[in-house]
Amino acid sequence: MDVTNPVDAKTPILNAIAHLEGLLGQLPKDDRTEKALYQLDRLRRAVNASHQEAVRFAAFTVNKIVKDSAADWGQAVVDSMSQLREALLAAGHRY
């Protein structure tokens, strides 16, 4: 992967978002899952627009929701969030 190419740098992040969305979509619908899915959509839009501040805010918010819900949502969701954090960090996003 050529990280100097912004499109290439976005792909792992977008893949990680899609994976986490898939896992969250399998959980019972409630306020937390809806908020997490909403923030993941905001994160996807921010990544696609290369809007650093929006990426930082949405990533922070999703991370917090997953962290606060980890006991209920299970290890697969926690691991998926970890992969998303790693993809964000590898592309130079800090939050």
Protein backbone atom coordinates (compact mmCIF):
# COMPACT_ATOMS: atom_id res chain seq x y z
CA MET A 1 0.00 0.00 0.00
CA ASP A 2 1.31 3.43 -0.96
CA VAL A 3 0.45 5.64 2.02
CA THR A 4 1.44 8.74 0.05
CA ASN A 5 -1.65 8.16 -2.09
CA PRO A 6 -4.64 9.36 -0.05
CA VAL A 7 -7.00 6.92 -1.76
CA ASP A 8 -4.78 3.98 -0.80
CA ALA A 9 -4.54 5.27 2.78
CA LYS A 10 -8.33 5.46 3.04
CA THR A 11 -9.03 1.89 1.95
CA PRO A 12 -8.01 0.11 5.20
CA ILE A 13 -9.99 2.64 7.24
CA LEU A 14 -13.09 2.24 5.10
CA ASN A 15 -12.77 -1.55 5.26
CA ALA A 16 -12.44 -1.41 9.06
CA ILE A 17 -15.51 0.84 9.28
CA ALA A 18 -17.51 -1.59 7.13
CA HIS A 19 -16.43 -4.53 9.28
CA LEU A 20 -17.41 -2.80 12.52
CA GLU A 21 -20.72 -1.72 10.99
CA GLY A 22 -21.44 -5.32 10.05
CA LEU A 23 -20.85 -6.49 13.60
CA LEU A 24 -22.93 -3.69 15.11
CA GLY A 25 -25.70 -4.38 12.63
CA GLN A 26 -26.04 -7.89 14.07
CA LEU A 27 -26.62 -6.58 17.59
CA PRO A 28 -30.06 -5.77 18.97
CA LYS A 29 -31.07 -2.24 17.99
CA ASP A 30 -30.93 0.25 20.84
CA ASP A 31 -29.74 3.80 21.41
CA ARG A 32 -26.08 2.78 21.74
CA THR A 33 -25.92 0.76 18.54
CA GLU A 34 -27.80 3.45 16.63
CA LYS A 35 -25.39 6.14 17.91
CA ALA A 36 -22.38 4.00 17.04
CA LEU A 37 -23.69 3.33 13.53
CA TYR A 38 -24.45 7.04 13.05
CA GLN A 39 -20.93 8.00 14.14
CA LEU A 40 -19.41 5.34 11.87
CA ASP A 41 -21.30 6.88 8.96
CA ARG A 42 -19.97 10.30 9.96
CA LEU A 43 -16.48 8.82 10.16
CA ARG A 44 -16.78 7.30 6.68
CA ARG A 45 -17.91 10.64 5.26
CA ALA A 46 -15.08 12.49 7.02
CA VAL A 47 -12.48 10.02 5.75
CA ASN A 48 -13.79 10.29 2.21
CA ALA A 49 -13.73 14.09 2.44
CA SER A 50 -10.27 14.10 4.08
CA HIS A 51 -11.68 16.32 6.84
CA GLN A 52 -9.19 15.81 9.67
CA GLU A 53 -11.18 17.42 12.47
CA ALA A 54 -14.34 15.50 11.58
CA VAL A 55 -12.33 12.25 11.44
CA ARG A 56 -10.88 12.98 14.86
CA PHE A 57 -14.27 13.76 16.41
CA ALA A 58 -16.15 10.81 14.91
CA ALA A 59 -13.32 8.36 15.67
CA PHE A 60 -13.15 9.54 19.28
CA THR A 61 -16.92 9.20 19.66
CA VAL A 62 -17.15 5.72 18.12
CA ASN A 63 -14.21 4.57 20.23
CA LYS A 64 -15.88 5.83 23.41
CA ILE A 65 -19.23 4.23 22.59
CA VAL A 66 -17.56 0.86 21.90
CA LYS A 67 -15.40 1.12 25.02
CA ASP A 68 -18.43 1.93 27.18
CA SER A 69 -20.43 -0.92 25.62
CA ALA A 70 -17.69 -3.56 25.40
CA ALA A 71 -19.11 -5.76 28.15
CA ASP A 72 -22.43 -6.02 26.33
CA TRP A 73 -21.20 -6.11 22.74
CA GLY A 74 -18.46 -8.71 23.05
CA GLN A 75 -14.86 -9.23 22.06
CA ALA A 76 -15.45 -9.29 18.31
CA VAL A 77 -16.68 -5.67 18.39
CA VAL A 78 -13.80 -4.64 20.65
CA ASP A 79 -11.30 -6.30 18.31
CA SER A 80 -12.90 -4.66 15.28
CA MET A 81 -12.65 -1.25 16.95
CA SER A 82 -8.99 -1.97 17.65
CA GLN A 83 -8.44 -2.70 13.94
CA LEU A 84 -10.18 0.57 13.07
CA ARG A 85 -7.94 2.49 15.50
CA GLU A 86 -4.86 0.86 13.97
CA ALA A 87 -5.99 1.77 10.44
CA LEU A 88 -6.61 5.36 11.50
CA LEU A 89 -3.22 5.62 13.19
CA ALA A 90 -1.44 4.07 10.20
CA ALA A 91 -2.99 6.76 7.99
CA GLY A 92 -1.79 9.48 10.35
CA HIS A 93 -5.04 10.23 12.17
CA ARG A 94 -4.66 11.03 15.87
CA TYR A 95 -7.50 11.52 18.28
